[in-house]
Amino acid sequence: MSKPQLPDQVHGAIRIKHYSMRTEEAYVHWIKRFVFFHEKRPSLHMGEHEVSKFLSHLVVERKVSASIQNQTLIALLFLYQEVLKKMGWINNVKRTKKPSHISVFLPRRR
């Protein structure tokens, strides 16, 4: 019996964890984009360098927000931790921070 394709492995791992359908759709979407960005190289042969390159591409070329970049990183970390069981480099990945927001309070009118 052959090993299931990567998307099927991801779907299975997500369902075991009881994640929502929307989370499943988002993770599968970003994992597919990652694989296609690297010309369908096997994910098992890629690592921190390829993840960083993809995330940089999203910010610089595609101009995605910090929250989308973080969602993508989380999806890729899920792929490597939960599906591929490849853990060595994961702690070295830097996360993007959302821009700070300064709250503005207006005085009450009397």
PDB file of N, CA and C in Angstrom:
ATOM      1  N   MET A   1       0.848  -1.179   0.000  1.00  0.00           N
ATOM      2  CA  MET A   1       0.000   0.000   0.000  1.00  0.00           C
ATOM      3  C   MET A   1       0.895   1.245   0.000  1.00  0.00           C
ATOM      4  N   SER A   2       0.582   2.211  -0.857  1.00  0.00           N
ATOM      5  CA  SER A   2       1.408   3.413  -0.960  1.00  0.00           C
ATOM      6  C   SER A   2       1.006   4.449   0.087  1.00  0.00           C
ATOM      7  N   LYS A   3       1.952   5.351   0.344  1.00  0.00           N
ATOM      8  CA  LYS A   3       1.735   6.418   1.311  1.00  0.00           C
ATOM      9  C   LYS A   3       0.789   7.458   0.710  1.00  0.00           C
ATOM     10  N   PRO A   4      -0.162   7.995   1.495  1.00  0.00           N
ATOM     11  CA  PRO A   4      -1.083   9.005   0.961  1.00  0.00           C
ATOM     12  C   PRO A   4      -0.344  10.254   0.495  1.00  0.00           C
ATOM     13  N   GLN A   5      -0.922  10.953  -0.467  1.00  0.00           N
ATOM     14  CA  GLN A   5      -0.357  12.201  -0.958  1.00  0.00           C
ATOM     15  C   GLN A   5      -0.323  13.231   0.165  1.00  0.00           C
ATOM     16  N   LEU A   6       0.550  14.230   0.026  1.00  0.00           N
ATOM     17  CA  LEU A   6       0.728  15.236   1.066  1.00  0.00           C
ATOM     18  C   LEU A   6      -0.581  15.921   1.474  1.00  0.00           C
ATOM     19  N   PRO A   7      -1.412  16.400   0.531  1.00  0.00           N
ATOM     20  CA  PRO A   7      -2.670  17.034   0.973  1.00  0.00           C
ATOM     21  C   PRO A   7      -3.546  16.100   1.814  1.00  0.00           C
ATOM     22  N   ASP A   8      -3.583  14.824   1.465  1.00  0.00           N
ATOM     23  CA  ASP A   8      -4.370  13.866   2.231  1.00  0.00           C
ATOM     24  C   ASP A   8      -3.785  13.668   3.627  1.00  0.00           C
ATOM     25  N   GLN A   9      -2.453  13.672   3.726  1.00  0.00           N
ATOM     26  CA  GLN A   9      -1.804  13.561   5.032  1.00  0.00           C
ATOM     27  C   GLN A   9      -2.134  14.774   5.900  1.00  0.00           C
ATOM     28  N   VAL A  10      -2.118  15.966   5.280  1.00  0.00           N
ATOM     29  CA  VAL A  10      -2.429  17.196   6.014  1.00  0.00           C
ATOM     30  C   VAL A  10      -3.875  17.163   6.489  1.00  0.00           C
ATOM     31  N   HIS A  11      -4.799  16.820   5.596  1.00  0.00           N
ATOM     32  CA  HIS A  11      -6.219  16.729   5.980  1.00  0.00           C
ATOM     33  C   HIS A  11      -6.400  15.767   7.156  1.00  0.00           C
ATOM     34  N   GLY A  12      -5.755  14.612   7.070  1.00  0.00           N
ATOM     35  CA  GLY A  12      -5.874  13.624   8.134  1.00  0.00           C
ATOM     36  C   GLY A  12      -5.345  14.123   9.466  1.00  0.00           C
ATOM     37  N   ALA A  13      -4.170  14.772   9.445  1.00  0.00           N
ATOM     38  CA  ALA A  13      -3.574  15.288  10.684  1.00  0.00           C
ATOM     39  C   ALA A  13      -4.436  16.385  11.299  1.00  0.00           C
ATOM     40  N   ILE A  14      -5.018  17.219  10.465  1.00  0.00           N
ATOM     41  CA  ILE A  14      -5.872  18.303  10.964  1.00  0.00           C
ATOM     42  C   ILE A  14      -7.139  17.736  11.592  1.00  0.00           C
ATOM     43  N   ARG A  15      -7.709  16.740  10.961  1.00  0.00           N
ATOM     44  CA  ARG A  15      -8.950  16.150  11.493  1.00  0.00           C
ATOM     45  C   ARG A  15      -8.706  15.404  12.799  1.00  0.00           C
ATOM     46  N   ILE A  16      -7.545  14.797  12.932  1.00  0.00           N
ATOM     47  CA  ILE A  16      -7.210  14.135  14.198  1.00  0.00           C
ATOM     48  C   ILE A  16      -7.161  15.156  15.328  1.00  0.00           C
ATOM     49  N   LYS A  17      -6.677  16.356  15.017  1.00  0.00           N
ATOM     50  CA  LYS A  17      -6.568  17.429  16.020  1.00  0.00           C
ATOM     51  C   LYS A  17      -7.891  18.169  16.221  1.00  0.00           C
ATOM     52  N   HIS A  18      -8.906  17.856  15.432  1.00  0.00           N
ATOM     53  CA  HIS A  18     -10.233  18.477  15.521  1.00  0.00           C
ATOM     54  C   HIS A  18     -10.211  19.982  15.261  1.00  0.00           C
ATOM     55  N   TYR A  19      -9.381  20.409  14.304  1.00  0.00           N
ATOM     56  CA  TYR A  19      -9.364  21.815  13.923  1.00  0.00           C
ATOM     57  C   TYR A  19     -10.608  22.117  13.095  1.00  0.00           C
ATOM     58  N   SER A  20     -10.959  23.370  12.997  1.00  0.00           N
ATOM     59  CA  SER A  20     -12.148  23.758  12.240  1.00  0.00           C
ATOM     60  C   SER A  20     -11.909  23.568  10.744  1.00  0.00           C
ATOM     61  N   MET A  21     -12.998  23.508  10.001  1.00  0.00           N
ATOM     62  CA  MET A  21     -12.922  23.346   8.551  1.00  0.00           C
ATOM     63  C   MET A  21     -12.209  24.535   7.914  1.00  0.00           C
ATOM     64  N   ARG A  22     -12.451  25.737   8.440  1.00  0.00           N
ATOM     65  CA  ARG A  22     -11.806  26.940   7.890  1.00  0.00           C
ATOM     66  C   ARG A  22     -10.292  26.897   8.111  1.00  0.00           C
ATOM     67  N   THR A  23      -9.873  26.407   9.256  1.00  0.00           N
ATOM     68  CA  THR A  23      -8.446  26.258   9.531  1.00  0.00           C
ATOM     69  C   THR A  23      -7.843  25.248   8.574  1.00  0.00           C
ATOM     70  N   GLU A  24      -8.550  24.147   8.381  1.00  0.00           N
ATOM     71  CA  GLU A  24      -8.090  23.112   7.450  1.00  0.00           C
ATOM     72  C   GLU A  24      -7.921  23.683   6.049  1.00  0.00           C
ATOM     73  N   GLU A  25      -8.912  24.434   5.584  1.00  0.00           N
ATOM     74  CA  GLU A  25      -8.834  25.024   4.248  1.00  0.00           C
ATOM     75  C   GLU A  25      -7.651  25.987   4.137  1.00  0.00           C
ATOM     76  N   ALA A  26      -7.449  26.807   5.161  1.00  0.00           N
ATOM     77  CA  ALA A  26      -6.348  27.783   5.144  1.00  0.00           C
ATOM     78  C   ALA A  26      -4.992  27.070   5.142  1.00  0.00           C
ATOM     79  N   TYR A  27      -4.824  26.081   6.008  1.00  0.00           N
ATOM     80  CA  TYR A  27      -3.549  25.367   6.080  1.00  0.00           C
ATOM     81  C   TYR A  27      -3.235  24.676   4.755  1.00  0.00           C
ATOM     82  N   VAL A  28      -4.209  23.984   4.204  1.00  0.00           N
ATOM     83  CA  VAL A  28      -3.986  23.276   2.938  1.00  0.00           C
ATOM     84  C   VAL A  28      -3.651  24.281   1.830  1.00  0.00           C
ATOM     85  N   HIS A  29      -4.346  25.407   1.813  1.00  0.00           N
ATOM     86  CA  HIS A  29      -4.085  26.444   0.808  1.00  0.00           C
ATOM     87  C   HIS A  29      -2.630  26.914   0.882  1.00  0.00           C
ATOM     88  N   TRP A  30      -2.158  27.279   2.078  1.00  0.00           N
ATOM     89  CA  TRP A  30      -0.803  27.816   2.210  1.00  0.00           C
ATOM     90  C   TRP A  30       0.266  26.758   1.995  1.00  0.00           C
ATOM     91  N   ILE A  31      -0.012  25.536   2.375  1.00  0.00           N
ATOM     92  CA  ILE A  31       0.950  24.453   2.136  1.00  0.00           C
ATOM     93  C   ILE A  31       1.075  24.196   0.644  1.00  0.00           C
ATOM     94  N   LYS A  32      -0.043  24.201  -0.075  1.00  0.00           N
ATOM     95  CA  LYS A  32       0.010  24.021  -1.536  1.00  0.00           C
ATOM     96  C   LYS A  32       0.779  25.159  -2.188  1.00  0.00           C
ATOM     97  N   ARG A  33       0.511  26.383  -1.767  1.00  0.00           N
ATOM     98  CA  ARG A  33       1.227  27.540  -2.340  1.00  0.00           C
ATOM     99  C   ARG A  33       2.728  27.424  -2.086  1.00  0.00           C
ATOM    100  N   PHE A  34       3.089  26.953  -0.886  1.00  0.00           N
ATOM    101  CA  PHE A  34       4.493  26.754  -0.535  1.00  0.00           C
ATOM    102  C   PHE A  34       5.138  25.731  -1.465  1.00  0.00           C
ATOM    103  N   VAL A  35       4.484  24.605  -1.660  1.00  0.00           N
ATOM    104  CA  VAL A  35       5.019  23.535  -2.513  1.00  0.00           C
ATOM    105  C   VAL A  35       5.141  24.023  -3.955  1.00  0.00           C
ATOM    106  N   PHE A  36       4.133  24.703  -4.473  1.00  0.00           N
ATOM    107  CA  PHE A  36       4.189  25.196  -5.845  1.00  0.00           C
ATOM    108  C   PHE A  36       5.234  26.300  -6.009  1.00  0.00           C
ATOM    109  N   PHE A  37       5.405  27.133  -4.995  1.00  0.00           N
ATOM    110  CA  PHE A  37       6.422  28.183  -5.043  1.00  0.00           C
ATOM    111  C   PHE A  37       7.805  27.565  -5.234  1.00  0.00           C
ATOM    112  N   HIS A  38       8.039  26.432  -4.607  1.00  0.00           N
ATOM    113  CA  HIS A  38       9.322  25.745  -4.718  1.00  0.00           C
ATOM    114  C   HIS A  38       9.286  24.651  -5.785  1.00  0.00           C
ATOM    115  N   GLU A  39       8.452  24.860  -6.792  1.00  0.00           N
ATOM    116  CA  GLU A  39       8.381  24.002  -7.979  1.00  0.00           C
ATOM    117  C   GLU A  39       8.180  22.525  -7.648  1.00  0.00           C
ATOM    118  N   LYS A  40       7.295  22.274  -6.701  1.00  0.00           N
ATOM    119  CA  LYS A  40       6.871  20.925  -6.306  1.00  0.00           C
ATOM    120  C   LYS A  40       7.993  20.056  -5.749  1.00  0.00           C
ATOM    121  N   ARG A  41       9.021  20.703  -5.179  1.00  0.00           N
ATOM    122  CA  ARG A  41      10.052  19.920  -4.493  1.00  0.00           C
ATOM    123  C   ARG A  41       9.408  19.223  -3.308  1.00  0.00           C
ATOM    124  N   PRO A  42       9.854  18.026  -2.980  1.00  0.00           N
ATOM    125  CA  PRO A  42       9.284  17.341  -1.816  1.00  0.00           C
ATOM    126  C   PRO A  42       9.516  18.144  -0.537  1.00  0.00           C
ATOM    127  N   SER A  43       8.469  18.343   0.226  1.00  0.00           N
ATOM    128  CA  SER A  43       8.547  19.143   1.459  1.00  0.00           C
ATOM    129  C   SER A  43       9.548  18.570   2.448  1.00  0.00           C
ATOM    130  N   LEU A  44       9.705  17.280   2.437  1.00  0.00           N
ATOM    131  CA  LEU A  44      10.626  16.628   3.364  1.00  0.00           C
ATOM    132  C   LEU A  44      12.065  17.071   3.117  1.00  0.00           C
ATOM    133  N   HIS A  45      12.370  17.485   1.882  1.00  0.00           N
ATOM    134  CA  HIS A  45      13.725  17.913   1.526  1.00  0.00           C
ATOM    135  C   HIS A  45      13.923  19.422   1.666  1.00  0.00           C
ATOM    136  N   MET A  46      12.913  20.096   2.167  1.00  0.00           N
ATOM    137  CA  MET A  46      13.018  21.535   2.372  1.00  0.00           C
ATOM    138  C   MET A  46      13.008  21.807   3.871  1.00  0.00           C
ATOM    139  N   GLY A  47      13.379  23.038   4.228  1.00  0.00           N
ATOM    140  CA  GLY A  47      13.429  23.364   5.647  1.00  0.00           C
ATOM    141  C   GLY A  47      13.350  24.860   5.884  1.00  0.00           C
ATOM    142  N   GLU A  48      14.100  25.306   6.876  1.00  0.00           N
ATOM    143  CA  GLU A  48      14.047  26.693   7.328  1.00  0.00           C
ATOM    144  C   GLU A  48      14.326  27.688   6.202  1.00  0.00           C
ATOM    145  N   HIS A  49      15.320  27.415   5.385  1.00  0.00           N
ATOM    146  CA  HIS A  49      15.686  28.340   4.304  1.00  0.00           C
ATOM    147  C   HIS A  49      14.516  28.529   3.331  1.00  0.00           C
ATOM    148  N   GLU A  50      13.893  27.438   2.947  1.00  0.00           N
ATOM    149  CA  GLU A  50      12.785  27.515   1.985  1.00  0.00           C
ATOM    150  C   GLU A  50      11.556  28.189   2.591  1.00  0.00           C
ATOM    151  N   VAL A  51      11.297  27.923   3.866  1.00  0.00           N
ATOM    152  CA  VAL A  51      10.170  28.576   4.542  1.00  0.00           C
ATOM    153  C   VAL A  51      10.416  30.084   4.605  1.00  0.00           C
ATOM    154  N   SER A  52      11.619  30.479   5.000  1.00  0.00           N
ATOM    155  CA  SER A  52      11.948  31.907   5.081  1.00  0.00           C
ATOM    156  C   SER A  52      11.850  32.578   3.714  1.00  0.00           C
ATOM    157  N   LYS A  53      12.324  31.902   2.694  1.00  0.00           N
ATOM    158  CA  LYS A  53      12.263  32.453   1.332  1.00  0.00           C
ATOM    159  C   LYS A  53      10.810  32.657   0.894  1.00  0.00           C
ATOM    160  N   PHE A  54       9.947  31.686   1.195  1.00  0.00           N
ATOM    161  CA  PHE A  54       8.536  31.791   0.822  1.00  0.00           C
ATOM    162  C   PHE A  54       7.851  32.919   1.590  1.00  0.00           C
ATOM    163  N   LEU A  55       8.108  33.001   2.889  1.00  0.00           N
ATOM    164  CA  LEU A  55       7.493  34.058   3.696  1.00  0.00           C
ATOM    165  C   LEU A  55       7.961  35.438   3.242  1.00  0.00           C
ATOM    166  N   SER A  56       9.231  35.558   2.903  1.00  0.00           N
ATOM    167  CA  SER A  56       9.744  36.835   2.387  1.00  0.00           C
ATOM    168  C   SER A  56       9.076  37.188   1.067  1.00  0.00           C
ATOM    169  N   HIS A  57       8.892  36.203   0.209  1.00  0.00           N
ATOM    170  CA  HIS A  57       8.203  36.415  -1.069  1.00  0.00           C
ATOM    171  C   HIS A  57       6.790  36.954  -0.831  1.00  0.00           C
ATOM    172  N   LEU A  58       6.099  36.379   0.133  1.00  0.00           N
ATOM    173  CA  LEU A  58       4.735  36.828   0.416  1.00  0.00           C
ATOM    174  C   LEU A  58       4.701  38.295   0.832  1.00  0.00           C
ATOM    175  N   VAL A  59       5.667  38.705   1.640  1.00  0.00           N
ATOM    176  CA  VAL A  59       5.683  40.083   2.131  1.00  0.00           C
ATOM    177  C   VAL A  59       6.154  41.049   1.047  1.00  0.00           C
ATOM    178  N   VAL A  60       7.267  40.724   0.396  1.00  0.00           N
ATOM    179  CA  VAL A  60       7.880  41.645  -0.554  1.00  0.00           C
ATOM    180  C   VAL A  60       7.120  41.695  -1.876  1.00  0.00           C
ATOM    181  N   GLU A  61       6.860  40.536  -2.455  1.00  0.00           N
ATOM    182  CA  GLU A  61       6.237  40.483  -3.787  1.00  0.00           C
ATOM    183  C   GLU A  61       4.714  40.557  -3.739  1.00  0.00           C
ATOM    184  N   ARG A  62       4.116  39.802  -2.837  1.00  0.00           N
ATOM    185  CA  ARG A  62       2.651  39.711  -2.775  1.00  0.00           C
ATOM    186  C   ARG A  62       2.040  40.737  -1.824  1.00  0.00           C
ATOM    187  N   LYS A  63       2.890  41.351  -0.989  1.00  0.00           N
ATOM    188  CA  LYS A  63       2.470  42.404  -0.054  1.00  0.00           C
ATOM    189  C   LYS A  63       1.340  41.968   0.885  1.00  0.00           C
ATOM    190  N   VAL A  64       1.493  40.762   1.450  1.00  0.00           N
ATOM    191  CA  VAL A  64       0.491  40.277   2.400  1.00  0.00           C
ATOM    192  C   VAL A  64       0.713  40.932   3.760  1.00  0.00           C
ATOM    193  N   SER A  65      -0.301  40.928   4.577  1.00  0.00           N
ATOM    194  CA  SER A  65      -0.222  41.514   5.917  1.00  0.00           C
ATOM    195  C   SER A  65       0.560  40.590   6.854  1.00  0.00           C
ATOM    196  N   ALA A  66       0.929  41.139   7.998  1.00  0.00           N
ATOM    197  CA  ALA A  66       1.644  40.361   9.012  1.00  0.00           C
ATOM    198  C   ALA A  66       0.801  39.183   9.490  1.00  0.00           C
ATOM    199  N   SER A  67      -0.511  39.380   9.599  1.00  0.00           N
ATOM    200  CA  SER A  67      -1.365  38.290  10.086  1.00  0.00           C
ATOM    201  C   SER A  67      -1.429  37.139   9.072  1.00  0.00           C
ATOM    202  N   ILE A  68      -1.427  37.458   7.791  1.00  0.00           N
ATOM    203  CA  ILE A  68      -1.421  36.404   6.763  1.00  0.00           C
ATOM    204  C   ILE A  68      -0.076  35.688   6.771  1.00  0.00           C
ATOM    205  N   GLN A  69       0.997  36.442   6.922  1.00  0.00           N
ATOM    206  CA  GLN A  69       2.312  35.824   6.983  1.00  0.00           C
ATOM    207  C   GLN A  69       2.404  34.888   8.186  1.00  0.00           C
ATOM    208  N   ASN A  70       1.873  35.308   9.319  1.00  0.00           N
ATOM    209  CA  ASN A  70       1.879  34.450  10.507  1.00  0.00           C
ATOM    210  C   ASN A  70       1.006  33.217  10.311  1.00  0.00           C
ATOM    211  N   GLN A  71      -0.147  33.386   9.674  1.00  0.00           N
ATOM    212  CA  GLN A  71      -1.017  32.241   9.402  1.00  0.00           C
ATOM    213  C   GLN A  71      -0.283  31.232   8.513  1.00  0.00           C
ATOM    214  N   THR A  72       0.439  31.742   7.526  1.00  0.00           N
ATOM    215  CA  THR A  72       1.200  30.871   6.634  1.00  0.00           C
ATOM    216  C   THR A  72       2.289  30.146   7.401  1.00  0.00           C
ATOM    217  N   LEU A  73       3.007  30.860   8.242  1.00  0.00           N
ATOM    218  CA  LEU A  73       4.057  30.236   9.047  1.00  0.00           C
ATOM    219  C   LEU A  73       3.481  29.147   9.939  1.00  0.00           C
ATOM    220  N   ILE A  74       2.361  29.404  10.567  1.00  0.00           N
ATOM    221  CA  ILE A  74       1.733  28.405  11.441  1.00  0.00           C
ATOM    222  C   ILE A  74       1.333  27.169  10.640  1.00  0.00           C
ATOM    223  N   ALA A  75       0.805  27.379   9.432  1.00  0.00           N
ATOM    224  CA  ALA A  75       0.431  26.249   8.570  1.00  0.00           C
ATOM    225  C   ALA A  75       1.661  25.423   8.212  1.00  0.00           C
ATOM    226  N   LEU A  76       2.764  26.100   7.890  1.00  0.00           N
ATOM    227  CA  LEU A  76       3.983  25.378   7.524  1.00  0.00           C
ATOM    228  C   LEU A  76       4.610  24.682   8.733  1.00  0.00           C
ATOM    229  N   LEU A  77       4.540  25.310   9.891  1.00  0.00           N
ATOM    230  CA  LEU A  77       5.023  24.646  11.108  1.00  0.00           C
ATOM    231  C   LEU A  77       4.198  23.400  11.399  1.00  0.00           C
ATOM    232  N   PHE A  78       2.885  23.490  11.177  1.00  0.00           N
ATOM    233  CA  PHE A  78       2.018  22.327  11.352  1.00  0.00           C
ATOM    234  C   PHE A  78       2.456  21.213  10.400  1.00  0.00           C
ATOM    235  N   LEU A  79       2.728  21.579   9.157  1.00  0.00           N
ATOM    236  CA  LEU A  79       3.179  20.591   8.166  1.00  0.00           C
ATOM    237  C   LEU A  79       4.421  19.862   8.660  1.00  0.00           C
ATOM    238  N   TYR A  80       5.416  20.620   9.099  1.00  0.00           N
ATOM    239  CA  TYR A  80       6.680  19.991   9.481  1.00  0.00           C
ATOM    240  C   TYR A  80       6.616  19.286  10.833  1.00  0.00           C
ATOM    241  N   GLN A  81       5.864  19.838  11.782  1.00  0.00           N
ATOM    242  CA  GLN A  81       5.793  19.218  13.108  1.00  0.00           C
ATOM    243  C   GLN A  81       4.847  18.024  13.132  1.00  0.00           C
ATOM    244  N   GLU A  82       3.648  18.207  12.634  1.00  0.00           N
ATOM    245  CA  GLU A  82       2.590  17.210  12.801  1.00  0.00           C
ATOM    246  C   GLU A  82       2.505  16.195  11.662  1.00  0.00           C
ATOM    247  N   VAL A  83       2.817  16.618  10.454  1.00  0.00           N
ATOM    248  CA  VAL A  83       2.665  15.717   9.309  1.00  0.00           C
ATOM    249  C   VAL A  83       3.984  15.020   8.980  1.00  0.00           C
ATOM    250  N   LEU A  84       5.045  15.805   8.804  1.00  0.00           N
ATOM    251  CA  LEU A  84       6.329  15.239   8.388  1.00  0.00           C
ATOM    252  C   LEU A  84       7.215  14.820   9.564  1.00  0.00           C
ATOM    253  N   LYS A  85       6.840  15.255  10.775  1.00  0.00           N
ATOM    254  CA  LYS A  85       7.590  14.922  11.997  1.00  0.00           C
ATOM    255  C   LYS A  85       9.053  15.339  11.886  1.00  0.00           C
ATOM    256  N   LYS A  86       9.278  16.483  11.268  1.00  0.00           N
ATOM    257  CA  LYS A  86      10.625  17.042  11.098  1.00  0.00           C
ATOM    258  C   LYS A  86      10.718  18.265  11.997  1.00  0.00           C
ATOM    259  N   MET A  87      11.516  18.194  13.061  1.00  0.00           N
ATOM    260  CA  MET A  87      11.445  19.203  14.104  1.00  0.00           C
ATOM    261  C   MET A  87      12.710  20.046  14.271  1.00  0.00           C
ATOM    262  N   GLY A  88      13.834  19.676  13.714  1.00  0.00           N
ATOM    263  CA  GLY A  88      15.114  20.272  14.059  1.00  0.00           C
ATOM    264  C   GLY A  88      15.230  21.781  13.977  1.00  0.00           C
ATOM    265  N   TRP A  89      14.761  22.396  12.920  1.00  0.00           N
ATOM    266  CA  TRP A  89      15.002  23.816  12.677  1.00  0.00           C
ATOM    267  C   TRP A  89      13.874  24.720  13.126  1.00  0.00           C
ATOM    268  N   ILE A  90      12.791  24.190  13.564  1.00  0.00           N
ATOM    269  CA  ILE A  90      11.567  24.960  13.784  1.00  0.00           C
ATOM    270  C   ILE A  90      11.740  26.078  14.810  1.00  0.00           C
ATOM    271  N   ASN A  91      12.552  25.876  15.812  1.00  0.00           N
ATOM    272  CA  ASN A  91      12.718  26.901  16.843  1.00  0.00           C
ATOM    273  C   ASN A  91      13.475  28.130  16.348  1.00  0.00           C
ATOM    274  N   ASN A  92      14.128  28.042  15.193  1.00  0.00           N
ATOM    275  CA  ASN A  92      14.922  29.152  14.677  1.00  0.00           C
ATOM    276  C   ASN A  92      14.128  30.109  13.797  1.00  0.00           C
ATOM    277  N   VAL A  93      12.910  29.785  13.454  1.00  0.00           N
ATOM    278  CA  VAL A  93      12.116  30.622  12.557  1.00  0.00           C
ATOM    279  C   VAL A  93      11.624  31.850  13.301  1.00  0.00           C
ATOM    280  N   LYS A  94      11.850  33.012  12.709  1.00  0.00           N
ATOM    281  CA  LYS A  94      11.408  34.255  13.326  1.00  0.00           C
ATOM    282  C   LYS A  94       9.995  34.567  12.883  1.00  0.00           C
ATOM    283  N   ARG A  95       9.177  35.013  13.831  1.00  0.00           N
ATOM    284  CA  ARG A  95       7.792  35.352  13.548  1.00  0.00           C
ATOM    285  C   ARG A  95       7.677  36.848  13.300  1.00  0.00           C
ATOM    286  N   THR A  96       6.760  37.214  12.461  1.00  0.00           N
ATOM    287  CA  THR A  96       6.501  38.619  12.168  1.00  0.00           C
ATOM    288  C   THR A  96       5.646  39.205  13.273  1.00  0.00           C
ATOM    289  N   LYS A  97       5.903  40.445  13.587  1.00  0.00           N
ATOM    290  CA  LYS A  97       5.088  41.130  14.583  1.00  0.00           C
ATOM    291  C   LYS A  97       4.143  42.080  13.868  1.00  0.00           C
ATOM    292  N   LYS A  98       2.930  42.146  14.379  1.00  0.00           N
ATOM    293  CA  LYS A  98       1.975  43.098  13.835  1.00  0.00           C
ATOM    294  C   LYS A  98       2.444  44.500  14.186  1.00  0.00           C
ATOM    295  N   PRO A  99       2.173  45.462  13.305  1.00  0.00           N
ATOM    296  CA  PRO A  99       2.559  46.832  13.642  1.00  0.00           C
ATOM    297  C   PRO A  99       1.836  47.287  14.902  1.00  0.00           C
ATOM    298  N   SER A 100       2.549  48.065  15.707  1.00  0.00           N
ATOM    299  CA  SER A 100       1.926  48.523  16.940  1.00  0.00           C
ATOM    300  C   SER A 100       0.832  49.535  16.629  1.00  0.00           C
ATOM    301  N   HIS A 101      -0.184  49.485  17.431  1.00  0.00           N
ATOM    302  CA  HIS A 101      -1.337  50.361  17.241  1.00  0.00           C
ATOM    303  C   HIS A 101      -1.475  51.224  18.487  1.00  0.00           C
ATOM    304  N   ILE A 102      -1.520  52.504  18.268  1.00  0.00           N
ATOM    305  CA  ILE A 102      -1.675  53.415  19.393  1.00  0.00           C
ATOM    306  C   ILE A 102      -3.142  53.780  19.501  1.00  0.00           C
ATOM    307  N   SER A 103      -3.710  53.504  20.644  1.00  0.00           N
ATOM    308  CA  SER A 103      -5.118  53.831  20.860  1.00  0.00           C
ATOM    309  C   SER A 103      -5.273  55.340  21.025  1.00  0.00           C
ATOM    310  N   VAL A 104      -6.322  55.851  20.431  1.00  0.00           N
ATOM    311  CA  VAL A 104      -6.606  57.281  20.539  1.00  0.00           C
ATOM    312  C   VAL A 104      -7.903  57.429  21.332  1.00  0.00           C
ATOM    313  N   PHE A 105      -7.814  58.164  22.405  1.00  0.00           N
ATOM    314  CA  PHE A 105      -8.991  58.400  23.224  1.00  0.00           C
ATOM    315  C   PHE A 105      -9.406  59.851  23.052  1.00  0.00           C
ATOM    316  N   LEU A 106     -10.656  60.030  22.725  1.00  0.00           N
ATOM    317  CA  LEU A 106     -11.189  61.386  22.592  1.00  0.00           C
ATOM    318  C   LEU A 106     -11.852  61.782  23.905  1.00  0.00           C
ATOM    319  N   PRO A 107     -11.690  63.050  24.276  1.00  0.00           N
ATOM    320  CA  PRO A 107     -12.327  63.491  25.528  1.00  0.00           C
ATOM    321  C   PRO A 107     -13.858  63.506  25.384  1.00  0.00           C
ATOM    322  N   ARG A 108     -14.528  63.292  26.491  1.00  0.00           N
ATOM    323  CA  ARG A 108     -15.993  63.336  26.480  1.00  0.00           C
ATOM    324  C   ARG A 108     -16.464  64.770  26.274  1.00  0.00           C
ATOM    325  N   ARG A 109     -17.542  64.894  25.570  1.00  0.00           N
ATOM    326  CA  ARG A 109     -18.149  66.223  25.399  1.00  0.00           C
ATOM    327  C   ARG A 109     -19.085  66.459  26.555  1.00  0.00           C
ATOM    328  N   ARG A 110     -19.119  67.644  27.017  1.00  0.00           N
ATOM    329  CA  ARG A 110     -19.995  67.991  28.147  1.00  0.00           C
ATOM    330  C   ARG A 110     -21.133  68.820  27.707  1.00  0.00           C
TER     331      ARG A 110
END
